[in-house]
Amino acid sequence: MKNHILYIIVRVEVESKTDSLMETVAEFEQETKYSFDSTENVKVLETELLATGFNHP
C-alpha cells in the first residue's frame, strides 16, 4: 500500500460579524463540519483544514 497526500482546494466566501479576519477564520475552523469518506480502495487517514483569508473591500 502507498500513502499519498492530496491537496483539495475549496474557496468559501463568507459574510462575517466578527471584528477581524483572524477571528472569522478561527470561528470557521472551530465550528464548521467537513468530512471526506473512505472508499473501498482508498482509506482516509487524516484531514486538516488549511485556512487562509483575504480582505475584500
PDB file of N, CA and C in Angstrom:
ATOM      1  N   MET A   1       0.831  -1.192   0.000  1.00  0.00           N
ATOM      2  CA  MET A   1       0.000   0.000   0.000  1.00  0.00           C
ATOM      3  C   MET A   1       0.867   1.243   0.000  1.00  0.00           C
ATOM      4  N   LYS A   2       0.355   2.297  -0.612  1.00  0.00           N
ATOM      5  CA  LYS A   2       1.081   3.561  -0.676  1.00  0.00           C
ATOM      6  C   LYS A   2       0.281   4.637   0.040  1.00  0.00           C
ATOM      7  N   ASN A   3       0.979   5.538   0.692  1.00  0.00           N
ATOM      8  CA  ASN A   3       0.334   6.719   1.270  1.00  0.00           C
ATOM      9  C   ASN A   3       0.569   7.902   0.346  1.00  0.00           C
ATOM     10  N   HIS A   4      -0.471   8.678   0.111  1.00  0.00           N
ATOM     11  CA  HIS A   4      -0.396   9.870  -0.721  1.00  0.00           C
ATOM     12  C   HIS A   4      -1.003  11.034   0.045  1.00  0.00           C
ATOM     13  N   ILE A   5      -0.561  12.233  -0.241  1.00  0.00           N
ATOM     14  CA  ILE A   5      -1.179  13.445   0.301  1.00  0.00           C
ATOM     15  C   ILE A   5      -1.880  14.143  -0.846  1.00  0.00           C
ATOM     16  N   LEU A   6      -3.173  14.375  -0.694  1.00  0.00           N
ATOM     17  CA  LEU A   6      -3.972  15.075  -1.699  1.00  0.00           C
ATOM     18  C   LEU A   6      -4.307  16.457  -1.168  1.00  0.00           C
ATOM     19  N   TYR A   7      -4.093  17.477  -1.966  1.00  0.00           N
ATOM     20  CA  TYR A   7      -4.497  18.832  -1.612  1.00  0.00           C
ATOM     21  C   TYR A   7      -5.765  19.146  -2.388  1.00  0.00           C
ATOM     22  N   ILE A   8      -6.862  19.323  -1.669  1.00  0.00           N
ATOM     23  CA  ILE A   8      -8.153  19.643  -2.270  1.00  0.00           C
ATOM     24  C   ILE A   8      -8.464  21.081  -1.882  1.00  0.00           C
ATOM     25  N   ILE A   9      -8.567  21.955  -2.870  1.00  0.00           N
ATOM     26  CA  ILE A   9      -8.743  23.383  -2.605  1.00  0.00           C
ATOM     27  C   ILE A   9     -10.210  23.752  -2.761  1.00  0.00           C
ATOM     28  N   VAL A  10     -10.740  24.389  -1.735  1.00  0.00           N
ATOM     29  CA  VAL A  10     -12.130  24.847  -1.742  1.00  0.00           C
ATOM     30  C   VAL A  10     -12.132  26.336  -1.424  1.00  0.00           C
ATOM     31  N   ARG A  11     -12.812  27.108  -2.232  1.00  0.00           N
ATOM     32  CA  ARG A  11     -12.939  28.551  -1.985  1.00  0.00           C
ATOM     33  C   ARG A  11     -14.287  28.791  -1.326  1.00  0.00           C
ATOM     34  N   VAL A  12     -14.283  29.498  -0.190  1.00  0.00           N
ATOM     35  CA  VAL A  12     -15.507  29.792   0.542  1.00  0.00           C
ATOM     36  C   VAL A  12     -15.565  31.293   0.782  1.00  0.00           C
ATOM     37  N   GLU A  13     -16.606  31.946   0.287  1.00  0.00           N
ATOM     38  CA  GLU A  13     -16.805  33.371   0.558  1.00  0.00           C
ATOM     39  C   GLU A  13     -17.823  33.472   1.680  1.00  0.00           C
ATOM     40  N   VAL A  14     -17.502  34.253   2.703  1.00  0.00           N
ATOM     41  CA  VAL A  14     -18.388  34.371   3.862  1.00  0.00           C
ATOM     42  C   VAL A  14     -18.691  35.832   4.155  1.00  0.00           C
ATOM     43  N   GLU A  15     -19.796  36.044   4.826  1.00  0.00           N
ATOM     44  CA  GLU A  15     -20.115  37.349   5.398  1.00  0.00           C
ATOM     45  C   GLU A  15     -19.976  37.162   6.898  1.00  0.00           C
ATOM     46  N   SER A  16     -19.220  38.007   7.558  1.00  0.00           N
ATOM     47  CA  SER A  16     -18.870  37.778   8.952  1.00  0.00           C
ATOM     48  C   SER A  16     -19.254  38.958   9.837  1.00  0.00           C
ATOM     49  N   LYS A  17     -19.675  38.628  11.045  1.00  0.00           N
ATOM     50  CA  LYS A  17     -19.971  39.651  12.049  1.00  0.00           C
ATOM     51  C   LYS A  17     -18.799  39.837  13.015  1.00  0.00           C
ATOM     52  N   THR A  18     -17.707  39.121  12.798  1.00  0.00           N
ATOM     53  CA  THR A  18     -16.551  39.256  13.681  1.00  0.00           C
ATOM     54  C   THR A  18     -15.785  40.530  13.346  1.00  0.00           C
ATOM     55  N   ASP A  19     -14.886  40.920  14.243  1.00  0.00           N
ATOM     56  CA  ASP A  19     -14.137  42.167  14.075  1.00  0.00           C
ATOM     57  C   ASP A  19     -12.898  42.029  13.198  1.00  0.00           C
ATOM     58  N   SER A  20     -12.420  40.810  13.002  1.00  0.00           N
ATOM     59  CA  SER A  20     -11.185  40.659  12.229  1.00  0.00           C
ATOM     60  C   SER A  20     -11.219  39.377  11.403  1.00  0.00           C
ATOM     61  N   LEU A  21     -10.352  39.338  10.417  1.00  0.00           N
ATOM     62  CA  LEU A  21     -10.218  38.153   9.580  1.00  0.00           C
ATOM     63  C   LEU A  21      -9.753  36.959  10.408  1.00  0.00           C
ATOM     64  N   MET A  22      -8.830  37.192  11.344  1.00  0.00           N
ATOM     65  CA  MET A  22      -8.337  36.109  12.196  1.00  0.00           C
ATOM     66  C   MET A  22      -9.467  35.486  13.008  1.00  0.00           C
ATOM     67  N   GLU A  23     -10.353  36.320  13.553  1.00  0.00           N
ATOM     68  CA  GLU A  23     -11.494  35.805  14.314  1.00  0.00           C
ATOM     69  C   GLU A  23     -12.435  35.002  13.417  1.00  0.00           C
ATOM     70  N   THR A  24     -12.646  35.494  12.211  1.00  0.00           N
ATOM     71  CA  THR A  24     -13.513  34.790  11.263  1.00  0.00           C
ATOM     72  C   THR A  24     -12.948  33.413  10.949  1.00  0.00           C
ATOM     73  N   VAL A  25     -11.667  33.342  10.634  1.00  0.00           N
ATOM     74  CA  VAL A  25     -11.028  32.070  10.308  1.00  0.00           C
ATOM     75  C   VAL A  25     -11.073  31.135  11.513  1.00  0.00           C
ATOM     76  N   ALA A  26     -10.776  31.645  12.707  1.00  0.00           N
ATOM     77  CA  ALA A  26     -10.779  30.818  13.914  1.00  0.00           C
ATOM     78  C   ALA A  26     -12.165  30.234  14.177  1.00  0.00           C
ATOM     79  N   GLU A  27     -13.198  31.062  14.079  1.00  0.00           N
ATOM     80  CA  GLU A  27     -14.561  30.571  14.311  1.00  0.00           C
ATOM     81  C   GLU A  27     -14.956  29.546  13.249  1.00  0.00           C
ATOM     82  N   PHE A  28     -14.601  29.821  12.020  1.00  0.00           N
ATOM     83  CA  PHE A  28     -14.912  28.902  10.922  1.00  0.00           C
ATOM     84  C   PHE A  28     -14.238  27.548  11.154  1.00  0.00           C
ATOM     85  N   GLU A  29     -12.968  27.561  11.545  1.00  0.00           N
ATOM     86  CA  GLU A  29     -12.232  26.318  11.810  1.00  0.00           C
ATOM     87  C   GLU A  29     -12.864  25.527  12.948  1.00  0.00           C
ATOM     88  N   GLN A  30     -13.279  26.229  14.006  1.00  0.00           N
ATOM     89  CA  GLN A  30     -13.799  25.565  15.198  1.00  0.00           C
ATOM     90  C   GLN A  30     -15.210  25.019  15.012  1.00  0.00           C
ATOM     91  N   GLU A  31     -16.038  25.700  14.234  1.00  0.00           N
ATOM     92  CA  GLU A  31     -17.461  25.359  14.213  1.00  0.00           C
ATOM     93  C   GLU A  31     -17.976  24.753  12.915  1.00  0.00           C
ATOM     94  N   THR A  32     -17.180  24.743  11.864  1.00  0.00           N
ATOM     95  CA  THR A  32     -17.624  24.184  10.592  1.00  0.00           C
ATOM     96  C   THR A  32     -17.286  22.703  10.534  1.00  0.00           C
ATOM     97  N   LYS A  33     -18.238  21.920  10.058  1.00  0.00           N
ATOM     98  CA  LYS A  33     -18.017  20.487   9.910  1.00  0.00           C
ATOM     99  C   LYS A  33     -17.692  20.174   8.449  1.00  0.00           C
ATOM    100  N   TYR A  34     -16.692  19.377   8.244  1.00  0.00           N
ATOM    101  CA  TYR A  34     -16.343  18.909   6.913  1.00  0.00           C
ATOM    102  C   TYR A  34     -15.826  17.484   7.058  1.00  0.00           C
ATOM    103  N   SER A  35     -16.017  16.669   6.049  1.00  0.00           N
ATOM    104  CA  SER A  35     -15.521  15.297   6.133  1.00  0.00           C
ATOM    105  C   SER A  35     -15.256  14.734   4.742  1.00  0.00           C
ATOM    106  N   PHE A  36     -14.368  13.779   4.689  1.00  0.00           N
ATOM    107  CA  PHE A  36     -14.060  13.032   3.484  1.00  0.00           C
ATOM    108  C   PHE A  36     -14.141  11.559   3.858  1.00  0.00           C
ATOM    109  N   ASP A  37     -15.000  10.837   3.187  1.00  0.00           N
ATOM    110  CA  ASP A  37     -15.201   9.423   3.485  1.00  0.00           C
ATOM    111  C   ASP A  37     -14.216   8.555   2.707  1.00  0.00           C
ATOM    112  N   SER A  38     -13.881   7.429   3.304  1.00  0.00           N
ATOM    113  CA  SER A  38     -13.040   6.445   2.627  1.00  0.00           C
ATOM    114  C   SER A  38     -13.859   5.717   1.570  1.00  0.00           C
ATOM    115  N   THR A  39     -13.148   5.128   0.621  1.00  0.00           N
ATOM    116  CA  THR A  39     -13.789   4.286  -0.393  1.00  0.00           C
ATOM    117  C   THR A  39     -13.297   2.855  -0.189  1.00  0.00           C
ATOM    118  N   GLU A  40     -13.727   1.968  -1.045  1.00  0.00           N
ATOM    119  CA  GLU A  40     -13.297   0.575  -0.939  1.00  0.00           C
ATOM    120  C   GLU A  40     -11.780   0.444  -1.074  1.00  0.00           C
ATOM    121  N   ASN A  41     -11.183   1.274  -1.924  1.00  0.00           N
ATOM    122  CA  ASN A  41      -9.749   1.161  -2.207  1.00  0.00           C
ATOM    123  C   ASN A  41      -8.900   2.276  -1.614  1.00  0.00           C
ATOM    124  N   VAL A  42      -9.534   3.291  -1.069  1.00  0.00           N
ATOM    125  CA  VAL A  42      -8.797   4.441  -0.531  1.00  0.00           C
ATOM    126  C   VAL A  42      -9.298   4.730   0.881  1.00  0.00           C
ATOM    127  N   LYS A  43      -8.418   4.601   1.857  1.00  0.00           N
ATOM    128  CA  LYS A  43      -8.774   4.856   3.250  1.00  0.00           C
ATOM    129  C   LYS A  43      -8.271   6.241   3.647  1.00  0.00           C
ATOM    130  N   VAL A  44      -9.175   7.110   4.093  1.00  0.00           N
ATOM    131  CA  VAL A  44      -8.790   8.442   4.558  1.00  0.00           C
ATOM    132  C   VAL A  44      -8.157   8.291   5.937  1.00  0.00           C
ATOM    133  N   LEU A  45      -6.927   8.743   6.085  1.00  0.00           N
ATOM    134  CA  LEU A  45      -6.204   8.612   7.345  1.00  0.00           C
ATOM    135  C   LEU A  45      -6.319   9.853   8.219  1.00  0.00           C
ATOM    136  N   GLU A  46      -6.360  11.029   7.589  1.00  0.00           N
ATOM    137  CA  GLU A  46      -6.365  12.272   8.356  1.00  0.00           C
ATOM    138  C   GLU A  46      -6.815  13.401   7.445  1.00  0.00           C
ATOM    139  N   THR A  47      -7.492  14.389   8.019  1.00  0.00           N
ATOM    140  CA  THR A  47      -7.815  15.610   7.283  1.00  0.00           C
ATOM    141  C   THR A  47      -7.431  16.804   8.139  1.00  0.00           C
ATOM    142  N   GLU A  48      -7.141  17.905   7.488  1.00  0.00           N
ATOM    143  CA  GLU A  48      -6.757  19.136   8.184  1.00  0.00           C
ATOM    144  C   GLU A  48      -7.262  20.308   7.362  1.00  0.00           C
ATOM    145  N   LEU A  49      -7.880  21.264   8.024  1.00  0.00           N
ATOM    146  CA  LEU A  49      -8.333  22.478   7.351  1.00  0.00           C
ATOM    147  C   LEU A  49      -7.178  23.469   7.333  1.00  0.00           C
ATOM    148  N   LEU A  50      -6.693  23.799   6.144  1.00  0.00           N
ATOM    149  CA  LEU A  50      -5.631  24.786   5.976  1.00  0.00           C
ATOM    150  C   LEU A  50      -6.306  26.071   5.533  1.00  0.00           C
ATOM    151  N   ALA A  51      -6.452  27.008   6.434  1.00  0.00           N
ATOM    152  CA  ALA A  51      -7.248  28.203   6.151  1.00  0.00           C
ATOM    153  C   ALA A  51      -6.361  29.415   5.932  1.00  0.00           C
ATOM    154  N   THR A  52      -6.752  30.200   4.983  1.00  0.00           N
ATOM    155  CA  THR A  52      -6.130  31.486   4.737  1.00  0.00           C
ATOM    156  C   THR A  52      -7.240  32.423   4.314  1.00  0.00           C
ATOM    157  N   GLY A  53      -7.013  33.689   4.419  1.00  0.00           N
ATOM    158  CA  GLY A  53      -8.091  34.605   4.073  1.00  0.00           C
ATOM    159  C   GLY A  53      -7.595  35.849   3.383  1.00  0.00           C
ATOM    160  N   PHE A  54      -8.514  36.518   2.739  1.00  0.00           N
ATOM    161  CA  PHE A  54      -8.234  37.769   2.054  1.00  0.00           C
ATOM    162  C   PHE A  54      -9.338  38.748   2.414  1.00  0.00           C
ATOM    163  N   ASN A  55      -8.981  39.972   2.654  1.00  0.00           N
ATOM    164  CA  ASN A  55      -9.981  41.009   2.894  1.00  0.00           C
ATOM    165  C   ASN A  55     -10.430  41.582   1.566  1.00  0.00           C
ATOM    166  N   HIS A  56     -11.728  41.593   1.354  1.00  0.00           N
ATOM    167  CA  HIS A  56     -12.303  42.211   0.155  1.00  0.00           C
ATOM    168  C   HIS A  56     -12.981  43.507   0.575  1.00  0.00           C
ATOM    169  N   PRO A  57     -12.685  44.598  -0.113  1.00  0.00           N
ATOM    170  CA  PRO A  57     -13.300  45.879   0.268  1.00  0.00           C
ATOM    171  C   PRO A  57     -14.807  45.878   0.084  1.00  0.00           C
TER     172      PRO A  57
END
